[in-house]
C-alpha atoms as a PDB file:
ATOM      1  CA  MET A   1      21.695 -21.591 -29.035  1.00  0.00           C
ATOM      2  CA  THR A   2      21.653 -19.100 -31.889  1.00  0.00           C
ATOM      3  CA  ASP A   3      22.062 -15.461 -30.896  1.00  0.00           C
ATOM      4  CA  CYS A   4      19.468 -13.567 -32.997  1.00  0.00           C
ATOM      5  CA  GLY A   5      19.840 -10.112 -31.455  1.00  0.00           C
ATOM      6  CA  ASP A   6      17.698  -8.109 -29.067  1.00  0.00           C
ATOM      7  CA  PHE A   7      14.190  -6.742 -29.429  1.00  0.00           C
ATOM      8  CA  VAL A   8      13.816  -3.005 -29.041  1.00  0.00           C
ATOM      9  CA  ASN A   9      11.408  -2.001 -26.276  1.00  0.00           C
ATOM     10  CA  SER A  10       8.265  -0.884 -28.098  1.00  0.00           C
ATOM     11  CA  ASP A  11       7.644   1.709 -25.384  1.00  0.00           C
ATOM     12  CA  ASP A  12      10.935   3.481 -26.130  1.00  0.00           C
ATOM     13  CA  GLU A  13       9.975   5.964 -28.854  1.00  0.00           C
ATOM     14  CA  GLU A  14      13.571   7.079 -29.547  1.00  0.00           C
ATOM     15  CA  ASP A  15      14.828   3.527 -30.189  1.00  0.00           C
ATOM     16  CA  VAL A  16      11.824   2.738 -32.380  1.00  0.00           C
ATOM     17  CA  GLN A  17      12.281   5.875 -34.482  1.00  0.00           C
ATOM     18  CA  ASP A  18      16.046   5.320 -34.795  1.00  0.00           C
ATOM     19  CA  LEU A  19      15.444   1.787 -36.052  1.00  0.00           C
ATOM     20  CA  GLU A  20      12.829   2.942 -38.562  1.00  0.00           C
ATOM     21  CA  GLU A  21      15.067   5.717 -39.904  1.00  0.00           C
ATOM     22  CA  ASN A  22      18.059   3.403 -40.401  1.00  0.00           C
ATOM     23  CA  ALA A  23      16.301   0.398 -41.904  1.00  0.00           C
ATOM     24  CA  GLU A  24      14.549  -0.354 -45.189  1.00  0.00           C
ATOM     25  CA  PRO A  25      11.240   1.536 -45.638  1.00  0.00           C
ATOM     26  CA  LEU A  26       8.476  -0.077 -43.604  1.00  0.00           C
ATOM     27  CA  SER A  27       6.074   0.790 -46.426  1.00  0.00           C
ATOM     28  CA  LEU A  28       7.499  -2.235 -48.233  1.00  0.00           C
ATOM     29  CA  TYR A  29       5.738  -4.397 -45.646  1.00  0.00           C
ATOM     30  CA  PHE A  30       3.255  -2.346 -43.636  1.00  0.00           C
ATOM     31  CA  ARG A  31       1.255   0.835 -44.319  1.00  0.00           C
ATOM     32  CA  TYR A  32      -0.074   1.951 -40.940  1.00  0.00           C
ATOM     33  CA  ARG A  33       1.600   2.219 -37.539  1.00  0.00           C
ATOM     34  CA  ILE A  34      -0.918   2.033 -34.688  1.00  0.00           C
ATOM     35  CA  GLU A  35      -0.091   4.740 -32.129  1.00  0.00           C
ATOM     36  CA  HIS A  36      -3.105   5.009 -29.810  1.00  0.00           C
ATOM     37  CA  LYS A  37      -6.670   3.852 -29.243  1.00  0.00           C
ATOM     38  CA  LEU A  38      -9.424   6.346 -30.047  1.00  0.00           C
ATOM     39  CA  GLY A  39     -12.421   4.395 -28.772  1.00  0.00           C
ATOM     40  CA  HIS A  40     -14.788   1.524 -29.400  1.00  0.00           C
ATOM     41  CA  GLY A  41     -18.459   0.769 -29.907  1.00  0.00           C
ATOM     42  CA  GLY A  42     -20.730  -2.226 -30.253  1.00  0.00           C
ATOM     43  CA  PHE A  43     -19.492  -3.111 -33.735  1.00  0.00           C
ATOM     44  CA  SER A  44     -15.976  -1.718 -34.037  1.00  0.00           C
ATOM     45  CA  THR A  45     -12.799  -0.399 -32.434  1.00  0.00           C
ATOM     46  CA  VAL A  46     -11.113   2.773 -33.710  1.00  0.00           C
ATOM     47  CA  TRP A  47      -7.335   3.308 -33.611  1.00  0.00           C
ATOM     48  CA  MET A  48      -5.138   6.326 -34.274  1.00  0.00           C
ATOM     49  CA  ALA A  49      -2.608   5.306 -36.906  1.00  0.00           C
ATOM     50  CA  HIS A  50       0.255   6.962 -38.758  1.00  0.00           C
ATOM     51  CA  ASP A  51       0.307   6.358 -42.516  1.00  0.00           C
ATOM     52  CA  ILE A  52       4.024   5.957 -43.231  1.00  0.00           C
ATOM     53  CA  VAL A  53       3.468   6.470 -46.971  1.00  0.00           C
ATOM     54  CA  LYS A  54       1.386   9.663 -46.842  1.00  0.00           C
ATOM     55  CA  LYS A  55       2.994  10.777 -43.546  1.00  0.00           C
ATOM     56  CA  LYS A  56      -0.420  11.611 -42.112  1.00  0.00           C
ATOM     57  CA  VAL A  57      -2.422  10.516 -39.097  1.00  0.00           C
ATOM     58  CA  PHE A  58      -5.706   8.678 -39.716  1.00  0.00           C
ATOM     59  CA  ALA A  59      -8.392   6.865 -37.741  1.00  0.00           C
ATOM     60  CA  LEU A  60      -8.744   3.160 -38.536  1.00  0.00           C
ATOM     61  CA  LYS A  61     -12.177   1.729 -37.783  1.00  0.00           C
ATOM     62  CA  ILE A  62     -11.891  -2.046 -37.506  1.00  0.00           C
ATOM     63  CA  THR A  63     -15.264  -3.783 -37.526  1.00  0.00           C
ATOM     64  CA  THR A  64     -16.219  -6.957 -35.730  1.00  0.00           C
ATOM     65  CA  LEU A  65     -16.709 -10.078 -37.826  1.00  0.00           C
ATOM     66  CA  ALA A  66     -20.497  -9.926 -37.363  1.00  0.00           C
ATOM     67  CA  ARG A  67     -20.579  -6.304 -38.472  1.00  0.00           C
ATOM     68  CA  ASP A  68     -18.336  -6.905 -41.473  1.00  0.00           C
ATOM     69  CA  ALA A  69     -21.093  -8.503 -43.545  1.00  0.00           C
ATOM     70  CA  VAL A  70     -23.660  -5.740 -43.068  1.00  0.00           C
ATOM     71  CA  ASP A  71     -21.683  -2.520 -42.570  1.00  0.00           C
ATOM     72  CA  ARG A  72     -22.580  -0.215 -45.463  1.00  0.00           C
ATOM     73  CA  GLU A  73     -20.656   2.806 -44.199  1.00  0.00           C
ATOM     74  CA  ASN A  74     -18.937   4.567 -47.083  1.00  0.00           C
ATOM     75  CA  THR A  75     -19.341   8.191 -46.143  1.00  0.00           C
ATOM     76  CA  SER A  76     -19.092  10.142 -42.955  1.00  0.00           C
ATOM     77  CA  LYS A  77     -19.341  17.905 -42.036  1.00  0.00           C
ATOM     78  CA  LEU A  78     -19.819  14.524 -43.594  1.00  0.00           C
ATOM     79  CA  LEU A  79     -16.854  12.426 -42.541  1.00  0.00           C
ATOM     80  CA  PRO A  80     -15.857  10.359 -45.600  1.00  0.00           C
ATOM     81  CA  SER A  81     -13.760   7.226 -45.427  1.00  0.00           C
ATOM     82  CA  CYS A  82     -10.565   7.554 -47.441  1.00  0.00           C
ATOM     83  CA  GLU A  83     -10.264   3.877 -48.260  1.00  0.00           C
ATOM     84  CA  ALA A  84     -11.153   0.422 -47.008  1.00  0.00           C
ATOM     85  CA  PHE A  85      -9.367  -2.891 -46.840  1.00  0.00           C
ATOM     86  CA  SER A  86      -9.710  -6.325 -45.266  1.00  0.00           C
ATOM     87  CA  LEU A  87      -7.759  -7.564 -42.236  1.00  0.00           C
ATOM     88  CA  PRO A  88      -7.447 -11.373 -41.869  1.00  0.00           C
ATOM     89  CA  SER A  89      -7.998 -13.142 -38.550  1.00  0.00           C
ATOM     90  CA  PRO A  90      -8.231 -16.811 -37.514  1.00  0.00           C
ATOM     91  CA  ASN A  91     -12.038 -16.671 -37.764  1.00  0.00           C
ATOM     92  CA  GLY A  92     -12.462 -14.580 -40.892  1.00  0.00           C
ATOM     93  CA  HIS A  93     -11.778 -11.068 -42.150  1.00  0.00           C
ATOM     94  CA  HIS A  94     -12.366  -7.728 -40.453  1.00  0.00           C
ATOM     95  CA  ARG A  95     -13.292  -4.736 -42.561  1.00  0.00           C
ATOM     96  CA  VAL A  96     -11.058  -1.703 -41.940  1.00  0.00           C
ATOM     97  CA  LEU A  97     -12.285   1.785 -42.842  1.00  0.00           C
ATOM     98  CA  VAL A  98      -9.758   4.624 -42.983  1.00  0.00           C
ATOM     99  CA  PHE A  99     -11.042   8.050 -41.863  1.00  0.00           C
ATOM    100  CA  PRO A 100      -9.527  11.475 -41.344  1.00  0.00           C
ATOM    101  CA  LEU A 101      -8.524  11.902 -37.718  1.00  0.00           C
ATOM    102  CA  ARG A 102     -11.189  13.585 -35.595  1.00  0.00           C
ATOM    103  CA  GLY A 103     -11.520  14.288 -31.890  1.00  0.00           C
ATOM    104  CA  PRO A 104     -13.855  12.768 -29.308  1.00  0.00           C
ATOM    105  CA  SER A 105     -17.604  12.503 -29.647  1.00  0.00           C
ATOM    106  CA  LEU A 106     -19.913  15.294 -28.589  1.00  0.00           C
ATOM    107  CA  HIS A 107     -21.199  12.959 -25.874  1.00  0.00           C
ATOM    108  CA  SER A 108     -17.853  12.924 -24.087  1.00  0.00           C
ATOM    109  CA  CYS A 109     -16.964  16.605 -24.243  1.00  0.00           C
ATOM    110  CA  PHE A 110     -20.044  18.846 -24.567  1.00  0.00           C
ATOM    111  CA  ALA A 111     -20.322  19.315 -20.775  1.00  0.00           C
ATOM    112  CA  SER A 112     -17.043  21.252 -20.731  1.00  0.00           C
ATOM    113  CA  MET A 113     -17.915  23.384 -23.783  1.00  0.00           C
ATOM    114  CA  SER A 114     -19.075  26.995 -23.589  1.00  0.00           C
ATOM    115  CA  MET A 115     -22.678  27.692 -24.563  1.00  0.00           C
ATOM    116  CA  ALA A 116     -21.408  29.554 -27.651  1.00  0.00           C
ATOM    117  CA  ASN A 117     -19.530  26.442 -28.820  1.00  0.00           C
ATOM    118  CA  ARG A 118     -22.524  24.236 -28.026  1.00  0.00           C
ATOM    119  CA  MET A 119     -24.804  26.371 -30.178  1.00  0.00           C
ATOM    120  CA  SER A 120     -22.177  26.443 -32.933  1.00  0.00           C
ATOM    121  CA  ALA A 121     -22.158  22.645 -32.825  1.00  0.00           C
ATOM    122  CA  ALA A 122     -25.970  22.579 -33.003  1.00  0.00           C
ATOM    123  CA  LYS A 123     -25.951  24.794 -36.093  1.00  0.00           C
ATOM    124  CA  GLN A 124     -23.178  22.851 -37.858  1.00  0.00           C
ATOM    125  CA  VAL A 125     -24.951  19.535 -37.277  1.00  0.00           C
ATOM    126  CA  LEU A 126     -28.213  20.994 -38.585  1.00  0.00           C
ATOM    127  CA  GLN A 127     -26.456  22.306 -41.709  1.00  0.00           C
ATOM    128  CA  THR A 128     -24.971  18.861 -42.303  1.00  0.00           C
ATOM    129  CA  LEU A 129     -28.361  17.228 -41.784  1.00  0.00           C
ATOM    130  CA  LYS A 130     -29.899  19.644 -44.309  1.00  0.00           C
ATOM    131  CA  SER A 131     -27.293  18.548 -46.883  1.00  0.00           C
ATOM    132  CA  LEU A 132     -28.264  14.925 -46.315  1.00  0.00           C
ATOM    133  CA  HIS A 133     -31.991  15.603 -46.554  1.00  0.00           C
ATOM    134  CA  ASP A 134     -31.490  17.703 -49.690  1.00  0.00           C
ATOM    135  CA  ALA A 135     -29.987  14.551 -51.207  1.00  0.00           C
ATOM    136  CA  ASN A 136     -33.017  12.517 -50.009  1.00  0.00           C
ATOM    137  CA  ILE A 137     -30.861  10.633 -47.476  1.00  0.00           C
ATOM    138  CA  VAL A 138     -31.991   9.781 -43.944  1.00  0.00           C
ATOM    139  CA  HIS A 139     -29.181   9.242 -41.426  1.00  0.00           C
ATOM    140  CA  GLN A 140     -31.253   7.001 -39.084  1.00  0.00           C
ATOM    141  CA  ASP A 141     -28.708   6.982 -36.247  1.00  0.00           C
ATOM    142  CA  LEU A 142     -28.282  10.601 -35.167  1.00  0.00           C
ATOM    143  CA  ASN A 143     -27.162  10.965 -31.548  1.00  0.00           C
ATOM    144  CA  ASP A 144     -24.415  12.676 -29.565  1.00  0.00           C
ATOM    145  CA  ARG A 145     -22.004   9.746 -29.974  1.00  0.00           C
ATOM    146  CA  ASN A 146     -22.094  10.051 -33.776  1.00  0.00           C
ATOM    147  CA  ILE A 147     -21.061  13.714 -33.781  1.00  0.00           C
ATOM    148  CA  MET A 148     -17.302  14.250 -33.641  1.00  0.00           C
ATOM    149  CA  CYS A 149     -15.326  17.273 -32.479  1.00  0.00           C
ATOM    150  CA  GLY A 150     -12.497  18.569 -34.636  1.00  0.00           C
ATOM    151  CA  ILE A 151      -8.881  18.073 -33.548  1.00  0.00           C
ATOM    152  CA  ALA A 152      -5.723  19.996 -34.429  1.00  0.00           C
ATOM    153  CA  PRO A 153      -3.529  18.215 -37.034  1.00  0.00           C
ATOM    154  CA  LEU A 154      -0.948  15.845 -35.567  1.00  0.00           C
ATOM    155  CA  ASP A 155       0.762  14.917 -38.837  1.00  0.00           C
ATOM    156  CA  THR A 156       4.014  16.786 -38.142  1.00  0.00           C
ATOM    157  CA  TYR A 157       4.430  15.444 -34.591  1.00  0.00           C
ATOM    158  CA  ASP A 158       6.722  12.504 -33.918  1.00  0.00           C
ATOM    159  CA  VAL A 159       5.561   9.737 -31.592  1.00  0.00           C
ATOM    160  CA  LYS A 160       7.256  11.293 -28.568  1.00  0.00           C
ATOM    161  CA  MET A 161       5.516  14.638 -29.132  1.00  0.00           C
ATOM    162  CA  LYS A 162       2.147  12.960 -29.659  1.00  0.00           C
ATOM    163  CA  TYR A 163       2.504  11.170 -26.337  1.00  0.00           C
ATOM    164  CA  GLN A 164       3.424  14.433 -24.619  1.00  0.00           C
ATOM    165  CA  TYR A 165       0.077  15.877 -25.700  1.00  0.00           C
ATOM    166  CA  LEU A 166      -2.085  12.753 -25.565  1.00  0.00           C
ATOM    167  CA  GLY A 167      -0.448  10.648 -22.890  1.00  0.00           C
ATOM    168  CA  ARG A 168       1.086   7.215 -23.351  1.00  0.00           C
ATOM    169  CA  PRO A 169      -1.307   4.317 -24.063  1.00  0.00           C
ATOM    170  CA  LYS A 170      -2.256   2.466 -20.883  1.00  0.00           C
ATOM    171  CA  LYS A 171      -2.493  -1.281 -21.519  1.00  0.00           C
ATOM    172  CA  ILE A 172      -2.543  -4.740 -19.950  1.00  0.00           C
ATOM    173  CA  PRO A 173      -1.780  -8.137 -21.551  1.00  0.00           C
ATOM    174  CA  LEU A 174      -4.690 -10.053 -23.058  1.00  0.00           C
ATOM    175  CA  GLN A 175      -4.976 -13.650 -24.211  1.00  0.00           C
ATOM    176  CA  THR A 176      -7.933 -14.374 -26.470  1.00  0.00           C
ATOM    177  CA  PRO A 177     -10.006 -17.584 -26.299  1.00  0.00           C
ATOM    178  CA  ALA A 178      -8.213 -18.672 -29.481  1.00  0.00           C
ATOM    179  CA  GLY A 179      -4.877 -18.414 -27.669  1.00  0.00           C
ATOM    180  CA  MET A 180      -3.679 -15.271 -29.463  1.00  0.00           C
ATOM    181  CA  GLN A 181      -1.674 -12.733 -27.484  1.00  0.00           C
ATOM    182  CA  GLY A 182      -2.852  -9.145 -27.407  1.00  0.00           C
ATOM    183  CA  GLU A 183      -3.388  -6.127 -25.198  1.00  0.00           C
ATOM    184  CA  LEU A 184      -6.312  -4.245 -23.692  1.00  0.00           C
ATOM    185  CA  VAL A 185      -5.762  -0.539 -24.256  1.00  0.00           C
ATOM    186  CA  ARG A 186      -7.375   2.436 -22.546  1.00  0.00           C
ATOM    187  CA  PRO A 187      -8.864   4.942 -25.058  1.00  0.00           C
ATOM    188  CA  ILE A 188      -7.190   8.282 -25.604  1.00  0.00           C
ATOM    189  CA  VAL A 189      -8.171  11.433 -23.694  1.00  0.00           C
ATOM    190  CA  VAL A 190      -7.788  14.469 -25.970  1.00  0.00           C
ATOM    191  CA  PRO A 191      -6.902  17.664 -24.072  1.00  0.00           C
ATOM    192  CA  PRO A 192      -9.194  20.666 -24.740  1.00  0.00           C
ATOM    193  CA  SER A 193      -6.214  22.594 -26.148  1.00  0.00           C
ATOM    194  CA  LEU A 194      -6.184  20.280 -29.189  1.00  0.00           C
ATOM    195  CA  LEU A 195      -9.913  20.532 -29.961  1.00  0.00           C
ATOM    196  CA  THR A 196     -11.216  22.866 -32.674  1.00  0.00           C
ATOM    197  CA  ASN A 197     -14.624  24.522 -33.090  1.00  0.00           C
ATOM    198  CA  LEU A 198     -15.616  22.268 -36.002  1.00  0.00           C
ATOM    199  CA  PHE A 199     -18.025  19.336 -35.699  1.00  0.00           C
ATOM    200  CA  TYR A 200     -18.618  16.375 -37.981  1.00  0.00           C
ATOM    201  CA  LEU A 201     -21.367  13.805 -38.500  1.00  0.00           C
ATOM    202  CA  ARG A 202     -20.267  10.183 -38.794  1.00  0.00           C
ATOM    203  CA  ASP A 203     -21.569   6.582 -38.849  1.00  0.00           C
ATOM    204  CA  PHE A 204     -23.590   6.304 -42.031  1.00  0.00           C
ATOM    205  CA  GLY A 205     -23.905   2.532 -41.808  1.00  0.00           C
ATOM    206  CA  LEU A 206     -27.711   2.815 -41.512  1.00  0.00           C
ATOM    207  CA  ALA A 207     -28.218   5.750 -43.900  1.00  0.00           C
ATOM    208  CA  MET A 208     -30.763   5.121 -46.672  1.00  0.00           C
ATOM    209  CA  ASN A 209     -32.940   6.991 -49.124  1.00  0.00           C
ATOM    210  CA  ALA A 210     -36.078   8.500 -47.645  1.00  0.00           C
ATOM    211  CA  GLY A 211     -39.120   6.267 -48.128  1.00  0.00           C
ATOM    212  CA  THR A 212     -37.120   3.028 -48.085  1.00  0.00           C
ATOM    213  CA  LEU A 213     -38.960   0.081 -46.554  1.00  0.00           C
ATOM    214  CA  ILE A 214     -37.011  -1.438 -43.665  1.00  0.00           C
ATOM    215  CA  ASN A 215     -37.519  -4.463 -41.424  1.00  0.00           C
ATOM    216  CA  TYR A 216     -35.984  -2.949 -38.303  1.00  0.00           C
ATOM    217  CA  LYS A 217     -37.631   0.110 -36.749  1.00  0.00           C
ATOM    218  CA  LEU A 218     -36.179   0.953 -33.343  1.00  0.00           C
ATOM    219  CA  GLN A 219     -33.192   3.270 -33.276  1.00  0.00           C
ATOM    220  CA  SER A 220     -30.596   2.652 -30.603  1.00  0.00           C
ATOM    221  CA  PRO A 221     -30.195   4.332 -28.186  1.00  0.00           C
ATOM    222  CA  SER A 222     -33.976   4.483 -27.810  1.00  0.00           C
ATOM    223  CA  ALA A 223     -33.884   7.889 -26.089  1.00  0.00           C
ATOM    224  CA  TRP A 224     -33.081   9.412 -29.509  1.00  0.00           C
ATOM    225  CA  CYS A 225     -35.660   7.421 -31.448  1.00  0.00           C
ATOM    226  CA  ALA A 226     -38.698   9.110 -33.017  1.00  0.00           C
ATOM    227  CA  PRO A 227     -41.982   7.505 -31.836  1.00  0.00           C
ATOM    228  CA  GLU A 228     -43.244   6.730 -35.336  1.00  0.00           C
ATOM    229  CA  ARG A 229     -40.334   4.350 -35.897  1.00  0.00           C
ATOM    230  CA  LEU A 230     -42.095   1.960 -33.540  1.00  0.00           C
ATOM    231  CA  HIS A 231     -45.138   1.811 -35.824  1.00  0.00           C
ATOM    232  CA  ASN A 232     -43.913   0.460 -39.177  1.00  0.00           C
ATOM    233  CA  THR A 233     -43.360   3.832 -40.804  1.00  0.00           C
ATOM    234  CA  ASP A 234     -41.095   4.280 -43.807  1.00  0.00           C
ATOM    235  CA  LEU A 235     -37.866   6.210 -43.443  1.00  0.00           C
ATOM    236  CA  SER A 236     -38.280   9.996 -43.413  1.00  0.00           C
ATOM    237  CA  ALA A 237     -36.282  13.136 -42.729  1.00  0.00           C
ATOM    238  CA  ALA A 238     -38.790  13.934 -39.965  1.00  0.00           C
ATOM    239  CA  SER A 239     -37.426  11.051 -37.885  1.00  0.00           C
ATOM    240  CA  ASP A 240     -33.948  12.549 -38.168  1.00  0.00           C
ATOM    241  CA  MET A 241     -35.364  15.892 -37.028  1.00  0.00           C
ATOM    242  CA  TRP A 242     -36.726  14.321 -33.848  1.00  0.00           C
ATOM    243  CA  SER A 243     -33.238  12.942 -33.151  1.00  0.00           C
ATOM    244  CA  TYR A 244     -31.709  16.319 -33.994  1.00  0.00           C
ATOM    245  CA  MET A 245     -33.988  18.019 -31.478  1.00  0.00           C
ATOM    246  CA  CYS A 246     -32.605  15.584 -28.898  1.00  0.00           C
ATOM    247  CA  VAL A 247     -29.113  16.812 -29.815  1.00  0.00           C
ATOM    248  CA  PHE A 248     -30.193  20.455 -29.570  1.00  0.00           C
ATOM    249  CA  THR A 249     -31.969  19.894 -26.245  1.00  0.00           C
ATOM    250  CA  GLU A 250     -28.951  18.174 -24.720  1.00  0.00           C
ATOM    251  CA  LEU A 251     -26.662  20.989 -25.862  1.00  0.00           C
ATOM    252  CA  TYR A 252     -28.981  23.764 -24.689  1.00  0.00           C
ATOM    253  CA  LEU A 253     -30.260  22.256 -21.428  1.00  0.00           C
ATOM    254  CA  GLY A 254     -27.344  19.979 -20.585  1.00  0.00           C
ATOM    255  CA  THR A 255     -29.553  16.874 -20.653  1.00  0.00           C
ATOM    256  CA  LEU A 256     -32.507  15.278 -22.417  1.00  0.00           C
ATOM    257  CA  PRO A 257     -35.971  15.835 -20.896  1.00  0.00           C
ATOM    258  CA  TRP A 258     -36.298  12.060 -20.386  1.00  0.00           C
ATOM    259  CA  SER A 259     -34.056   9.257 -19.173  1.00  0.00           C
ATOM    260  CA  ILE A 260     -31.336   8.018 -21.513  1.00  0.00           C
ATOM    261  CA  TYR A 261     -30.935   4.721 -19.652  1.00  0.00           C
ATOM    262  CA  ASP A 262     -34.426   3.224 -19.452  1.00  0.00           C
ATOM    263  CA  ASP A 263     -37.230   2.915 -21.987  1.00  0.00           C
ATOM    264  CA  ALA A 264     -37.765   6.541 -22.981  1.00  0.00           C
ATOM    265  CA  LEU A 265     -41.166   6.077 -24.628  1.00  0.00           C
ATOM    266  CA  PRO A 266     -43.375   6.298 -21.482  1.00  0.00           C
ATOM    267  CA  SER A 267     -41.772   9.544 -20.329  1.00  0.00           C
ATOM    268  CA  ILE A 268     -41.911  10.955 -23.865  1.00  0.00           C
ATOM    269  CA  VAL A 269     -45.665  10.283 -24.047  1.00  0.00           C
ATOM    270  CA  LYS A 270     -46.203  11.871 -20.614  1.00  0.00           C
ATOM    271  CA  GLN A 271     -44.257  15.022 -21.533  1.00  0.00           C
ATOM    272  CA  PRO A 272     -46.890  17.835 -21.616  1.00  0.00           C
ATOM    273  CA  GLU A 273     -46.077  21.344 -22.780  1.00  0.00           C
ATOM    274  CA  SER A 274     -46.188  22.745 -19.251  1.00  0.00           C
ATOM    275  CA  THR A 275     -43.604  20.183 -18.039  1.00  0.00           C
ATOM    276  CA  LEU A 276     -41.228  20.976 -20.908  1.00  0.00           C
ATOM    277  CA  GLU A 277     -41.602  24.678 -20.209  1.00  0.00           C
ATOM    278  CA  THR A 278     -40.723  24.069 -16.552  1.00  0.00           C
ATOM    279  CA  ILE A 279     -37.659  22.019 -17.528  1.00  0.00           C
ATOM    280  CA  ILE A 280     -36.385  24.835 -19.754  1.00  0.00           C
ATOM    281  CA  ALA A 281     -36.934  27.479 -17.059  1.00  0.00           C
ATOM    282  CA  HIS A 282     -35.180  25.346 -14.446  1.00  0.00           C
ATOM    283  CA  ALA A 283     -32.194  24.453 -16.670  1.00  0.00           C
ATOM    284  CA  ARG A 284     -31.667  27.952 -18.107  1.00  0.00           C
ATOM    285  CA  PRO A 285     -32.652  30.582 -15.503  1.00  0.00           C
ATOM    286  CA  ASP A 286     -29.911  32.786 -16.943  1.00  0.00           C
ATOM    287  CA  VAL A 287     -31.792  33.561 -20.178  1.00  0.00           C
ATOM    288  CA  SER A 288     -34.694  35.892 -20.864  1.00  0.00           C
ATOM    289  CA  SER A 289     -38.304  34.794 -20.954  1.00  0.00           C
ATOM    290  CA  THR A 290     -38.334  35.665 -24.659  1.00  0.00           C
ATOM    291  CA  GLU A 291     -35.490  33.264 -25.388  1.00  0.00           C
ATOM    292  CA  ARG A 292     -37.122  30.521 -23.329  1.00  0.00           C
ATOM    293  CA  ALA A 293     -40.347  31.025 -25.318  1.00  0.00           C
ATOM    294  CA  HIS A 294     -38.443  30.616 -28.603  1.00  0.00           C
ATOM    295  CA  VAL A 295     -36.699  27.468 -27.363  1.00  0.00           C
ATOM    296  CA  LEU A 296     -40.009  26.009 -26.179  1.00  0.00           C
ATOM    297  CA  PHE A 297     -41.514  26.675 -29.614  1.00  0.00           C
ATOM    298  CA  PHE A 298     -38.628  24.904 -31.402  1.00  0.00           C
ATOM    299  CA  MET A 299     -38.760  21.919 -29.052  1.00  0.00           C
ATOM    300  CA  LEU A 300     -42.513  21.513 -29.364  1.00  0.00           C
ATOM    301  CA  LYS A 301     -42.192  21.569 -33.158  1.00  0.00           C
ATOM    302  CA  GLY A 302     -39.243  19.158 -33.076  1.00  0.00           C
ATOM    303  CA  PHE A 303     -40.907  16.793 -30.615  1.00  0.00           C
ATOM    304  CA  SER A 304     -44.285  16.779 -32.332  1.00  0.00           C
ATOM    305  CA  TYR A 305     -45.735  13.244 -32.292  1.00  0.00           C
ATOM    306  CA  ASN A 306     -46.992  13.781 -35.841  1.00  0.00           C
ATOM    307  CA  PRO A 307     -43.947  13.702 -38.184  1.00  0.00           C
ATOM    308  CA  GLN A 308     -45.733  15.934 -40.689  1.00  0.00           C
ATOM    309  CA  HIS A 309     -45.958  18.720 -38.113  1.00  0.00           C
ATOM    310  CA  ARG A 310     -42.231  18.821 -37.350  1.00  0.00           C
ATOM    311  CA  MET A 311     -40.014  21.592 -38.619  1.00  0.00           C
ATOM    312  CA  THR A 312     -37.626  20.596 -41.382  1.00  0.00           C
ATOM    313  CA  ALA A 313     -33.912  21.371 -41.286  1.00  0.00           C
ATOM    314  CA  VAL A 314     -34.454  24.152 -43.833  1.00  0.00           C
ATOM    315  CA  GLN A 315     -37.292  25.717 -41.842  1.00  0.00           C
ATOM    316  CA  LEU A 316     -35.284  25.666 -38.627  1.00  0.00           C
ATOM    317  CA  LEU A 317     -32.171  27.147 -40.249  1.00  0.00           C
ATOM    318  CA  ASP A 318     -34.253  29.891 -41.893  1.00  0.00           C
ATOM    319  CA  ASN A 319     -36.001  30.822 -38.639  1.00  0.00           C
ATOM    320  CA  ALA A 320     -34.552  34.148 -37.468  1.00  0.00           C
ATOM    321  CA  SER A 321     -35.234  33.373 -33.801  1.00  0.00           C
ATOM    322  CA  PHE A 322     -33.239  30.136 -34.017  1.00  0.00           C
END
């Protein structure tokens, strides 16, 4: 039997790095080295990868085959994709979008943030939304999972140092229905010490010009969806502002005023002013009655059933009380 050498244990960072440093450049064959899993959604999985040519860390968003044909994401402060390429598989090609590395979503970390950082996030998201609306673009999918926290640069860290900060990937073997071997990997948990006070808006796969006619109306998750989107209305910045007020409410109160798990529409319709005022007073007893009155005013304007009566991003940013 031919002796063809020994495989280096992929979990041994020192052996892997020694082999890479004393062999021909890997860039002749491969561009990205996957180092950790950042997360996943309904249409994609996102990996932390080291670009061995640029010597930088990026996020690779690999779409499902079904998503590949319809994903129009080409931008995402806004968080722009740096490049895109196609990844072959036995059943077709997956689209891969390369993004700057960012931290976890607002959904996963806002509960541990100070109120000052929460309000900073609310303002930064609103400023970003204003930039979109100034360009006549409607995001269509604004929610706390599409807002990313900033993360300190990891470009100068070797693999061993990255794992010291981020933990080693936890994984189990996986065999796909097609017989391919793979691994299930637990997503990364970014320590608070690596997070910055910057926030970014992502996922522009549904973004379109205001006024565009569309066949699909309901935004998912439905708890963030403006009511008029259920009634064949054209795209408008006002729908984004309803979703933004959901973001603001969650950051300020710690939760939405209606359930995020069931159909939100019935509880939205039954939400009178007095109930909303009670929710604010109960969630924020630490603030003055004047502040609660201002917050109630903003929420009532943001959650107006008539889109034409909602405050715009410009009006809200220019409001001294806000």
